[in-house]
Protein backbone atom coordinates (compact mmCIF):
# COMPACT_ATOMS: atom_id res chain seq x y z
CA UNK A 1 -3.47 -2.91 41.07
CA UNK A 2 -5.19 -6.13 42.05
CA UNK A 3 -3.15 -9.01 43.47
CA UNK A 4 -3.79 -11.10 40.35
CA UNK A 5 -2.06 -8.51 38.15
CA UNK A 6 1.70 -8.14 37.87
CA UNK A 7 3.40 -4.88 36.91
CA UNK A 8 5.50 -5.74 33.86
CA UNK A 9 6.58 -2.47 32.27
CA UNK A 10 6.15 1.26 31.98
CA UNK A 11 4.13 2.45 28.98
CA UNK A 12 7.18 4.42 27.85
CA UNK A 13 9.15 1.15 27.49
CA UNK A 14 6.97 -0.08 24.62
CA UNK A 15 6.69 2.13 21.55
CA UNK A 16 3.90 1.75 18.98
CA UNK A 17 4.43 -1.63 17.28
CA UNK A 18 6.71 -2.75 20.09
CA UNK A 19 6.76 -6.29 21.49
CA UNK A 20 8.13 -7.54 24.82
CA UNK A 21 8.60 -11.10 26.10
CA UNK A 22 7.40 -11.63 29.68
CA UNK A 23 7.65 -14.71 31.90
CA UNK A 24 5.05 -14.55 34.68
CA UNK A 25 5.83 -17.49 36.93
CA UNK A 26 6.07 -19.89 34.00
CA UNK A 27 3.40 -18.25 31.80
CA UNK A 28 5.19 -17.10 28.64
CA UNK A 29 3.47 -13.95 27.43
CA UNK A 30 4.06 -11.49 24.61
CA UNK A 31 3.13 -7.89 25.41
CA UNK A 32 2.30 -5.88 22.28
CA UNK A 33 1.48 -2.22 21.65
CA UNK A 34 -0.69 -1.91 18.54
CA UNK A 35 -2.84 1.02 17.44
CA UNK A 36 -2.36 2.69 20.82
CA UNK A 37 -3.56 -0.33 22.83
CA UNK A 38 -1.63 -2.85 24.90
CA UNK A 39 -2.33 -6.55 24.36
CA UNK A 40 -0.96 -9.60 26.19
CA UNK A 41 -1.08 -12.89 24.29
CA UNK A 42 0.52 -16.32 24.52
CA UNK A 43 4.14 -16.11 23.46
CA UNK A 44 4.01 -19.38 21.51
CA UNK A 45 2.14 -19.96 18.26
CA UNK A 46 -0.46 -22.73 18.54
CA UNK A 47 0.71 -24.26 15.25
CA UNK A 48 4.32 -25.26 15.94
CA UNK A 49 5.02 -23.60 19.29
CA UNK A 50 7.53 -21.09 17.95
CA UNK A 51 7.69 -17.62 19.50
CA UNK A 52 5.42 -14.96 18.03
CA UNK A 53 7.85 -12.18 18.93
CA UNK A 54 8.91 -10.28 15.83
CA UNK A 55 5.70 -11.09 13.98
CA UNK A 56 4.13 -8.32 11.91
CA UNK A 57 1.15 -6.42 13.34
CA UNK A 58 -1.83 -5.32 11.26
CA UNK A 59 -5.60 -4.94 11.73
CA UNK A 60 -5.45 -6.05 15.41
CA UNK A 61 -3.61 -9.25 14.41
CA UNK A 62 -0.11 -10.66 14.72
CA UNK A 63 1.42 -12.91 12.08
CA UNK A 64 3.77 -15.69 13.18
CA UNK A 65 7.22 -14.87 11.76
CA UNK A 66 7.94 -18.55 11.06
CA UNK A 67 4.95 -20.03 9.22
CA UNK A 68 2.58 -17.10 8.64
CA UNK A 69 -0.28 -18.10 10.95
CA UNK A 70 -2.31 -15.06 11.96
CA UNK A 71 -3.93 -14.46 15.37
CA UNK A 72 -6.33 -11.80 16.64
CA UNK A 73 -4.72 -9.75 19.43
CA UNK A 74 -8.08 -9.21 21.14
CA UNK A 75 -9.53 -12.74 21.08
CA UNK A 76 -6.62 -15.05 20.26
CA UNK A 77 -8.61 -16.51 17.36
CA UNK A 78 -6.53 -18.20 14.65
CA UNK A 79 -7.34 -16.29 11.46
CA UNK A 80 -5.26 -18.21 8.92
CA UNK A 81 -3.55 -21.52 8.26
CA UNK A 82 -1.46 -23.31 9.23
CA UNK A 83 -2.84 -22.60 12.73
CA UNK A 84 -6.38 -23.64 13.60
CA UNK A 85 -6.28 -23.45 17.39
CA UNK A 86 -6.53 -20.08 19.18
CA UNK A 87 -3.87 -18.70 21.50
CA UNK A 88 -4.43 -17.39 25.02
CA UNK A 89 -5.19 -13.72 25.64
CA UNK A 90 -4.41 -12.18 29.03
CA UNK A 91 -6.07 -9.19 30.74
CA UNK A 92 -4.05 -5.96 30.71
CA UNK A 93 -4.48 -2.93 32.97
CA UNK A 94 -2.85 0.42 32.32
CA UNK A 95 -2.73 2.98 35.12
CA UNK A 96 -0.74 6.16 34.58
CA UNK A 97 2.58 4.93 33.15
CA UNK A 98 2.27 1.37 34.45
CA UNK A 99 1.30 -1.77 32.51
CA UNK A 100 0.10 -4.77 34.51
CA UNK A 101 -0.82 -8.20 33.17
CA UNK A 102 -2.72 -11.08 34.76
CA UNK A 103 -1.27 -14.56 34.34
CA UNK A 104 -4.83 -15.93 34.25
CA UNK A 105 -5.97 -15.93 30.60
CA UNK A 106 -9.32 -14.53 29.50
CA UNK A 107 -10.13 -17.86 27.86
CA UNK A 108 -8.51 -21.23 27.45
CA UNK A 109 -7.80 -22.29 23.86
């Protein structure tokens, strides 16, 4: 794994639909397994800065469990009100049974 990636979990630790909070040196990240893929997104919703953990997953999106804002797991795009700003998405690498995440986001919201 590259130096910019941090090993955060084994693939066996996150079942389908599973979510895991990660703190990478101050970057709060939510690791999600959805439709067989691993996604790393900002832990906090861009609407009211509540945690997205526990939000429902569907069609490559997560819905904030507090106010219903929906975000794309792949791009971070806000798909529904009350959120209008995107959230950060972080690169994920899977090698064998190891999941690694970069703390440098793919894009800045």
